[in-house]
Amino acid sequence: MANVKQLIKELVKEDSGQDLIEYALVSALVGLGSVAAISGLDNSLKNTFNGIGSALTNSTA
């Protein structure tokens, strides 16, 4: 019975996996944030490049 109590005490103190979970959550949040930012820039970039393409087409005509 003493061994079971000691094992439970050691498991409660054990926190080596906690850092890995925190890093995984932070990296997932960074990934989601970057996807959201790139999605927001999508239309802006399309409009910019279409404007440049139109200006180049009109300048050679």
N, C-alpha and C. Protein backbone atom coordinates (compact mmCIF):
# COMPACT_ATOMS: atom_id res chain seq x y z
N MET A 1 0.82 -1.19 0.00
CA MET A 1 0.00 0.00 0.00
C MET A 1 0.86 1.25 0.00
N ALA A 2 2.00 1.19 0.66
CA ALA A 2 2.90 2.33 0.72
C ALA A 2 3.44 2.65 -0.67
N ASN A 3 3.66 1.62 -1.48
CA ASN A 3 4.17 1.84 -2.84
C ASN A 3 3.14 2.56 -3.71
N VAL A 4 1.88 2.25 -3.54
CA VAL A 4 0.81 2.89 -4.30
C VAL A 4 0.73 4.36 -3.92
N LYS A 5 0.82 4.65 -2.63
CA LYS A 5 0.79 6.05 -2.18
C LYS A 5 1.98 6.81 -2.73
N GLN A 6 3.14 6.19 -2.72
CA GLN A 6 4.35 6.84 -3.24
C GLN A 6 4.20 7.08 -4.75
N LEU A 7 3.64 6.12 -5.47
CA LEU A 7 3.44 6.25 -6.90
C LEU A 7 2.49 7.40 -7.22
N ILE A 8 1.41 7.51 -6.46
CA ILE A 8 0.45 8.59 -6.68
C ILE A 8 1.09 9.94 -6.39
N LYS A 9 1.90 10.03 -5.33
CA LYS A 9 2.59 11.27 -5.01
C LYS A 9 3.54 11.68 -6.13
N GLU A 10 4.25 10.71 -6.70
CA GLU A 10 5.18 11.01 -7.79
C GLU A 10 4.43 11.43 -9.06
N LEU A 11 3.29 10.81 -9.32
CA LEU A 11 2.51 11.18 -10.50
C LEU A 11 1.96 12.60 -10.38
N VAL A 12 1.57 13.00 -9.17
CA VAL A 12 1.06 14.35 -8.96
C VAL A 12 2.17 15.37 -9.16
N LYS A 13 3.37 15.03 -8.74
CA LYS A 13 4.51 15.95 -8.87
C LYS A 13 5.02 16.02 -10.32
N GLU A 14 4.81 14.98 -11.08
CA GLU A 14 5.33 14.87 -12.44
C GLU A 14 4.66 15.89 -13.36
N ASP A 15 5.46 16.73 -14.02
CA ASP A 15 4.90 17.72 -14.94
C ASP A 15 5.75 17.88 -16.20
N SER A 16 6.50 16.85 -16.54
CA SER A 16 7.39 16.97 -17.71
C SER A 16 6.62 17.05 -19.02
N GLY A 17 5.44 16.47 -19.12
CA GLY A 17 4.66 16.54 -20.34
C GLY A 17 3.89 17.84 -20.50
N GLN A 18 3.81 18.62 -19.45
CA GLN A 18 3.04 19.85 -19.48
C GLN A 18 3.66 20.86 -20.45
N ASP A 19 4.98 20.96 -20.48
CA ASP A 19 5.64 21.89 -21.38
C ASP A 19 5.36 21.56 -22.84
N LEU A 20 5.38 20.29 -23.16
CA LEU A 20 5.13 19.87 -24.54
C LEU A 20 3.72 20.25 -24.97
N ILE A 21 2.76 20.07 -24.11
CA ILE A 21 1.38 20.43 -24.43
C ILE A 21 1.25 21.93 -24.62
N GLU A 22 1.91 22.71 -23.77
CA GLU A 22 1.84 24.16 -23.90
C GLU A 22 2.46 24.62 -25.21
N TYR A 23 3.60 24.06 -25.58
CA TYR A 23 4.23 24.43 -26.85
C TYR A 23 3.36 24.04 -28.04
N ALA A 24 2.70 22.90 -27.95
CA ALA A 24 1.81 22.47 -29.03
C ALA A 24 0.63 23.42 -29.17
N LEU A 25 0.07 23.86 -28.05
CA LEU A 25 -1.06 24.80 -28.11
C LEU A 25 -0.62 26.15 -28.66
N VAL A 26 0.54 26.63 -28.26
CA VAL A 26 1.03 27.91 -28.77
C VAL A 26 1.30 27.83 -30.26
N SER A 27 1.91 26.74 -30.70
CA SER A 27 2.19 26.61 -32.13
C SER A 27 0.91 26.48 -32.94
N ALA A 28 -0.10 25.83 -32.39
CA ALA A 28 -1.38 25.73 -33.09
C ALA A 28 -2.04 27.10 -33.20
N LEU A 29 -1.96 27.91 -32.15
CA LEU A 29 -2.53 29.26 -32.20
C LEU A 29 -1.79 30.14 -33.20
N VAL A 30 -0.47 30.02 -33.25
CA VAL A 30 0.31 30.79 -34.22
C VAL A 30 -0.05 30.37 -35.64
N GLY A 31 -0.22 29.07 -35.85
CA GLY A 31 -0.61 28.58 -37.17
C GLY A 31 -1.96 29.09 -37.59
N LEU A 32 -2.92 29.05 -36.69
CA LEU A 32 -4.26 29.55 -37.02
C LEU A 32 -4.24 31.06 -37.28
N GLY A 33 -3.45 31.78 -36.51
CA GLY A 33 -3.34 33.23 -36.71
C GLY A 33 -2.72 33.56 -38.05
N SER A 34 -1.70 32.81 -38.45
CA SER A 34 -1.07 33.09 -39.74
C SER A 34 -2.00 32.75 -40.89
N VAL A 35 -2.77 31.69 -40.77
CA VAL A 35 -3.75 31.35 -41.82
C VAL A 35 -4.80 32.44 -41.93
N ALA A 36 -5.26 32.94 -40.81
CA ALA A 36 -6.26 34.01 -40.83
C ALA A 36 -5.69 35.28 -41.45
N ALA A 37 -4.44 35.61 -41.14
CA ALA A 37 -3.83 36.81 -41.70
C ALA A 37 -3.62 36.67 -43.20
N ILE A 38 -3.19 35.52 -43.64
CA ILE A 38 -2.96 35.31 -45.08
C ILE A 38 -4.30 35.34 -45.82
N SER A 39 -5.32 34.77 -45.23
CA SER A 39 -6.65 34.80 -45.86
C SER A 39 -7.16 36.23 -45.98
N GLY A 40 -6.87 37.06 -45.00
CA GLY A 40 -7.28 38.46 -45.05
C GLY A 40 -6.53 39.24 -46.10
N LEU A 41 -5.29 38.88 -46.35
CA LEU A 41 -4.49 39.58 -47.36
C LEU A 41 -4.76 39.09 -48.77
N ASP A 42 -5.47 38.00 -48.91
CA ASP A 42 -5.70 37.38 -50.21
C ASP A 42 -6.31 38.35 -51.21
N ASN A 43 -7.43 38.97 -50.87
CA ASN A 43 -8.10 39.88 -51.79
C ASN A 43 -7.27 41.12 -52.06
N SER A 44 -6.58 41.61 -51.05
CA SER A 44 -5.75 42.79 -51.22
C SER A 44 -4.62 42.52 -52.22
N LEU A 45 -3.98 41.38 -52.09
CA LEU A 45 -2.90 41.03 -53.01
C LEU A 45 -3.43 40.81 -54.43
N LYS A 46 -4.58 40.15 -54.55
CA LYS A 46 -5.16 39.94 -55.87
C LYS A 46 -5.46 41.27 -56.55
N ASN A 47 -6.05 42.21 -55.80
CA ASN A 47 -6.38 43.51 -56.37
C ASN A 47 -5.13 44.28 -56.77
N THR A 48 -4.10 44.20 -55.95
CA THR A 48 -2.85 44.90 -56.26
C THR A 48 -2.23 44.36 -57.54
N PHE A 49 -2.12 43.04 -57.66
CA PHE A 49 -1.50 42.46 -58.85
C PHE A 49 -2.37 42.66 -60.09
N ASN A 50 -3.70 42.63 -59.94
CA ASN A 50 -4.57 42.91 -61.08
C ASN A 50 -4.41 44.36 -61.54
N GLY A 51 -4.26 45.27 -60.58
CA GLY A 51 -4.04 46.68 -60.93
C GLY A 51 -2.72 46.87 -61.66
N ILE A 52 -1.68 46.20 -61.19
CA ILE A 52 -0.38 46.30 -61.86
C ILE A 52 -0.46 45.71 -63.26
N GLY A 53 -1.14 44.57 -63.39
CA GLY A 53 -1.29 43.95 -64.70
C GLY A 53 -2.08 44.83 -65.65
N SER A 54 -3.12 45.46 -65.17
CA SER A 54 -3.91 46.35 -66.02
C SER A 54 -3.11 47.57 -66.43
N ALA A 55 -2.34 48.12 -65.51
CA ALA A 55 -1.51 49.28 -65.83
C ALA A 55 -0.48 48.93 -66.88
N LEU A 56 0.14 47.77 -66.77
CA LEU A 56 1.13 47.36 -67.76
C LEU A 56 0.48 47.11 -69.11
N THR A 57 -0.70 46.51 -69.12
CA THR A 57 -1.41 46.26 -70.38
C THR A 57 -1.80 47.56 -71.04
N ASN A 58 -2.29 48.52 -70.26
CA ASN A 58 -2.73 49.81 -70.82
C ASN A 58 -1.54 50.64 -71.29
N SER A 59 -0.38 50.47 -70.67
CA SER A 59 0.78 51.29 -71.07
C SER A 59 1.38 50.80 -72.38
N THR A 60 1.20 49.54 -72.71
CA THR A 60 1.74 49.04 -73.97
C THR A 60 0.75 49.16 -75.11
N ALA A 61 -0.49 49.46 -74.84
CA ALA A 61 -1.50 49.53 -75.89
C ALA A 61 -1.49 50.87 -76.60
